Protein backbone atom coordinates (compact mmCIF):
# COMPACT_ATOMS: atom_id res chain seq x y z
CA MET A 1 0.00 0.00 0.00
CA LEU A 2 1.22 3.41 -0.89
CA LEU A 3 -1.18 5.17 1.42
CA ARG A 4 -1.74 4.95 5.15
CA PRO A 5 -4.64 2.57 6.00
CA LEU A 6 -7.82 3.83 7.61
CA ARG A 7 -8.28 3.14 11.30
CA ALA A 8 -11.94 2.32 10.75
CA PRO A 9 -14.10 1.78 7.64
CA LEU A 10 -15.62 4.92 6.13
CA THR A 11 -19.24 5.12 5.08
CA ALA A 12 -19.95 6.03 1.48
CA THR A 13 -21.15 9.47 2.58
CA ALA A 14 -18.05 10.14 4.64
CA LEU A 15 -15.79 9.06 1.80
CA ALA A 16 -17.60 11.34 -0.65
CA LEU A 17 -17.28 14.32 1.69
CA GLY A 18 -13.61 13.57 2.23
CA VAL A 19 -12.95 13.45 -1.51
CA LEU A 20 -14.74 16.74 -2.10
CA ALA A 21 -12.72 18.38 0.64
CA ALA A 22 -9.53 16.96 -0.83
CA CYS A 23 -10.29 18.42 -4.25
CA GLY A 24 -10.59 21.83 -2.66
CA GLU A 25 -6.93 21.53 -1.65
CA LEU A 26 -5.69 19.96 -4.87
CA LYS A 27 -2.45 21.56 -6.07
CA THR A 28 -1.06 21.04 -9.52
CA ALA A 29 2.65 20.95 -10.20
CA THR A 30 2.28 24.00 -12.47
CA PRO A 31 0.71 26.63 -10.18
CA VAL A 32 -0.40 30.14 -11.03
CA ASP A 33 2.62 32.43 -11.35
CA GLY A 34 3.79 33.50 -7.91
CA ASP A 35 1.39 31.21 -6.02
CA ALA A 36 3.52 30.19 -3.06
CA ASP A 37 0.95 27.65 -1.89
CA GLY A 38 1.04 25.73 -5.14
CA GLY A 39 4.73 24.97 -5.40
CA PRO A 40 7.54 26.69 -7.29
CA SER A 41 6.88 29.89 -9.21
CA ALA A 42 7.24 30.16 -12.97
CA SER A 43 10.97 30.71 -12.52
CA SER A 44 11.42 27.05 -11.57
CA SER A 45 12.88 24.92 -14.31
CA GLY A 46 13.84 21.35 -15.13
CA ASP A 47 11.89 18.17 -15.68
CA GLY A 48 12.20 16.79 -12.18
CA GLY A 49 14.34 13.92 -13.36
CA GLY A 50 11.53 12.51 -15.48
CA ASN A 51 11.68 10.86 -18.87
CA GLY A 52 9.06 12.97 -20.60
CA SER A 53 10.15 14.46 -23.91
CA SER A 54 9.80 18.19 -24.53
CA GLY A 55 9.45 17.81 -28.26
CA SER A 56 10.27 20.73 -30.53
CA SER A 57 8.40 23.63 -32.04
CA GLY A 58 6.89 22.99 -35.43
CA THR A 59 6.19 24.98 -38.56
CA SER A 60 3.06 25.51 -40.57
CA GLY A 61 1.61 22.73 -42.71
CA GLU A 62 0.21 19.26 -42.21
CA LEU A 63 2.37 16.28 -41.36
CA PRO A 64 2.37 13.36 -43.79
CA ASP A 65 0.02 10.65 -42.59
CA ASP A 66 2.82 8.09 -42.26
CA GLN A 67 4.75 10.45 -39.97
CA ALA A 68 1.87 11.66 -37.81
CA LYS A 69 0.34 8.18 -37.42
CA LYS A 70 3.53 6.18 -36.88
CA ASP A 71 3.04 3.50 -34.25
CA PRO A 72 5.04 4.34 -31.13
CA ALA A 73 7.77 2.08 -29.81
CA PRO A 74 7.37 0.64 -26.29
CA GLY A 75 7.66 3.46 -23.76
CA PHE A 76 6.57 6.11 -26.27
CA GLY A 77 3.26 7.62 -27.33
CA PRO A 78 0.12 8.46 -25.30
CA GLY A 79 0.56 5.47 -23.00
CA PRO A 80 -2.20 3.62 -21.12
CA TYR A 81 -3.68 6.75 -19.52
CA GLY A 82 -3.32 9.35 -22.27
CA ALA A 83 -0.29 11.40 -21.18
CA LEU A 84 0.48 13.55 -24.23
CA PRO A 85 1.22 17.19 -23.32
CA SER A 86 0.72 20.31 -25.43
CA GLY A 87 1.90 20.16 -29.03
CA TYR A 88 1.80 16.43 -29.69
CA CYS A 89 -0.37 15.01 -32.47
CA CYS A 90 -3.57 13.31 -31.34
CA ASP A 91 -6.75 11.78 -32.69
CA HIS A 92 -8.88 11.86 -29.55
CA ASP A 93 -9.15 13.81 -26.29
CA SER A 94 -8.36 10.58 -24.42
CA GLU A 95 -4.77 10.65 -25.70
CA CYS A 96 -4.02 14.02 -24.06
CA ARG A 97 -3.20 14.53 -20.39
CA SER A 98 -5.60 17.49 -20.20
CA ARG A 99 -8.20 15.74 -22.37
CA ARG A 100 -8.12 18.42 -25.08
CA CYS A 101 -7.30 17.48 -28.70
CA GLU A 102 -7.91 20.23 -31.25
CA ASP A 103 -6.92 21.22 -34.77
CA LEU A 104 -4.98 24.47 -34.44
CA GLY A 105 -4.02 24.65 -38.10
CA GLY A 106 -1.01 22.34 -37.97
CA GLY A 107 -2.90 19.09 -37.38
CA LYS A 108 -4.87 17.95 -34.35
CA MET A 109 -2.76 18.39 -31.23
CA CYS A 110 -3.01 18.25 -27.45
CA ARG A 111 -3.53 21.41 -25.39
CA ASP A 112 -2.73 21.43 -21.69
CA SER A 113 -5.12 23.13 -19.30
CA CYS A 114 -3.56 26.16 -17.64
CA ARG A 115 -3.95 29.09 -15.29
CA SER A 116 -0.71 30.83 -16.24
CA ASN A 117 1.79 30.95 -19.07
CA SER A 118 4.31 28.89 -17.09
CA THR A 119 2.18 25.76 -17.53
CA CYS A 120 2.47 26.12 -21.30
CA GLN A 121 6.24 26.35 -21.56
CA ARG A 122 8.70 23.50 -22.01
CA PRO A 123 11.90 25.43 -22.59
CA PRO A 124 13.74 25.94 -24.75
CA GLU A 125 11.61 24.79 -27.69
CA LEU A 126 7.99 25.07 -26.63
CA VAL A 127 6.89 28.52 -25.53
CA TRP A 128 3.12 28.64 -25.71
CA THR A 129 0.83 30.96 -23.77
CA CYS A 130 -2.27 30.40 -21.65
CA ASP A 131 -5.46 31.34 -23.45
CA ASN A 132 -7.29 32.57 -20.34
CA GLY A 133 -7.86 36.19 -21.26
CA GLY A 134 -4.70 37.29 -19.49
CA THR A 135 -6.32 36.84 -16.07
CA PRO A 136 -3.98 35.04 -13.64
CA GLY A 137 -5.81 32.19 -11.97
CA ALA A 138 -8.52 31.93 -14.63
CA ASP A 139 -8.89 28.59 -16.40
CA GLY A 140 -7.72 28.29 -19.98
CA PHE A 141 -5.85 26.08 -22.44
CA CYS A 142 -2.36 26.46 -23.85
CA LYS A 143 -1.97 27.76 -27.39
CA PRO A 144 0.92 28.52 -29.74
CA ASP A 145 1.57 32.15 -30.60
CA GLY A 146 2.01 31.38 -34.28
CA ALA A 147 1.99 28.57 -36.82
CA PHE A 148 2.78 25.22 -35.23
CA THR A 149 2.81 21.74 -36.71
CA CYS A 150 2.02 19.00 -34.22
CA ILE A 151 4.84 16.77 -32.99
CA PRO A 152 4.28 13.07 -33.83
CA ALA A 153 2.95 11.23 -30.79
CA ALA A 154 5.44 8.42 -31.44
CA GLU A 155 8.24 10.83 -30.42
CA PHE A 156 6.85 11.39 -26.93
CA GLU A 157 8.78 9.41 -24.32
CA LEU A 158 6.56 8.33 -21.45
CA GLY A 159 7.54 8.87 -17.85
CA THR A 160 8.04 5.81 -15.66
CA ARG A 161 6.67 6.79 -12.25
CA ILE A 162 3.26 5.30 -11.40
CA ALA A 163 0.39 6.68 -9.31
CA GLY A 164 1.49 7.29 -5.72
CA GLU A 165 5.18 7.73 -6.48
CA CYS A 166 6.93 11.01 -5.66
CA CYS A 167 7.19 13.68 -8.36
CA THR A 168 8.58 17.19 -8.63
CA ALA A 169 6.55 20.38 -8.97
CA THR A 170 8.69 22.02 -11.64
CA GLY A 171 6.32 24.93 -12.23
CA ASP A 172 6.33 24.61 -16.03
CA GLY A 173 5.18 22.34 -18.84
CA PHE A 174 7.61 19.63 -17.76
CA ALA A 175 5.59 19.05 -14.57
CA GLY A 176 4.20 15.53 -14.50
CA LEU A 177 6.16 14.24 -17.47
CA GLU A 178 8.17 11.95 -15.20
CA CYS A 179 4.87 10.14 -14.49
CA VAL A 180 3.38 7.52 -16.78
CA GLY A 181 0.05 9.35 -16.53
CA GLY A 182 1.59 12.75 -17.26
CA SER A 183 0.25 14.33 -14.06
CA CYS A 184 1.78 15.45 -10.74
CA VAL A 185 -0.46 16.78 -7.94
CA ALA A 186 -0.58 17.34 -4.20
CA ILE A 187 -3.48 17.65 -1.76
CA GLY A 188 -3.11 20.04 1.13
CA ASP A 189 0.25 19.70 2.85
CA SER A 190 0.84 16.16 1.58
CA PRO A 191 3.65 15.60 -0.95
CA PHE A 192 3.39 15.80 -4.72
CA ILE A 193 2.61 12.43 -6.26
CA CYS A 194 2.04 11.02 -9.71
CA ASN A 195 -1.55 10.32 -10.70
CA HIS A 196 -3.51 9.82 -13.90
CA ARG A 197 -6.86 10.44 -15.55
CA CYS A 198 -9.77 8.07 -15.18
CA GLU A 199 -13.29 7.42 -16.43
CA GLN A 200 -14.55 5.04 -13.76
CA PRO A 201 -13.43 3.71 -10.36
CA LYS A 202 -11.76 0.59 -11.78
CA ASP A 203 -9.32 2.82 -13.69
CA CYS A 204 -7.65 3.81 -10.39
CA PRO A 205 -5.27 1.71 -8.29
CA SER A 206 -6.00 0.66 -4.72
CA GLY A 207 -6.09 3.65 -2.37
CA PHE A 208 -7.23 6.08 -5.08
CA VAL A 209 -10.67 7.27 -6.13
CA CYS A 210 -11.83 8.57 -9.53
CA GLN A 211 -12.89 12.14 -8.87
CA PRO A 212 -14.24 14.81 -11.28
CA ILE A 213 -11.81 17.73 -11.37
CA THR A 214 -13.40 19.75 -14.19
CA ASN A 215 -16.30 19.21 -16.56
CA ASP A 216 -13.85 17.66 -19.01
CA ARG A 217 -11.83 15.27 -16.91
CA LYS A 218 -11.59 13.04 -13.86
CA GLU A 219 -8.44 12.11 -11.98
CA CYS A 220 -7.33 9.35 -9.64
CA ILE A 221 -6.58 11.03 -6.31
CA PRO A 222 -5.69 9.56 -2.90
CA ALA A 223 -8.80 8.50 -0.99
CA ASN A 224 -7.30 9.35 2.39
CA ARG A 225 -5.15 12.03 3.98
CA PRO A 226 -2.48 12.47 5.03
CA TYR A 227 -0.67 10.29 2.53
CA THR A 228 2.96 9.66 1.73
CA CYS A 229 4.74 9.26 -1.58
CA LYS A 230 6.93 6.37 -2.57
């Protein structure tokens, strides 16, 4: 078990209330610029020792089908939970870690959810901005500032850390890429851990629950607090 066991069984009502409270304290690894409670500011850098690939900026025009649709080698591509970050070619929302796959003029590509520009940047190549009306803290999605051709999904190297393992809040678009699910979060004062998206309870490992985070996605989050990371 990655999480501390309960001292007594929880009722369904108590568990639901606990999960809702936990979501109110959910911190992403790419906080709003200058948000001291959410981890490092936008000045933080590095990929936290993960294996996620940053990719490279593209140019205008469509990719040839054989390049965009190339089958990924083991350890590459969207992975079992859909971990592709901004800029990578996709066919469906389920392949993207923020569950957003759109045609931005250079082929269908993933767009990370964001609340600040720092979330959208994987330096030095990818420098997108947060399309949230310029309001810090408002929800939006990352977008390129100019023409951008999607990066083939087969070039994305998956992270290796599974749900419950420790991860680093890098404060930029690298955050979570060390995780096989492409996501790194913390609840309250507990440590940052890898997690992944889900559709139903069975998608989450023992000790996690599938909880709606936005209208577009659900995530596996620890059922109990405090928790430790592995």
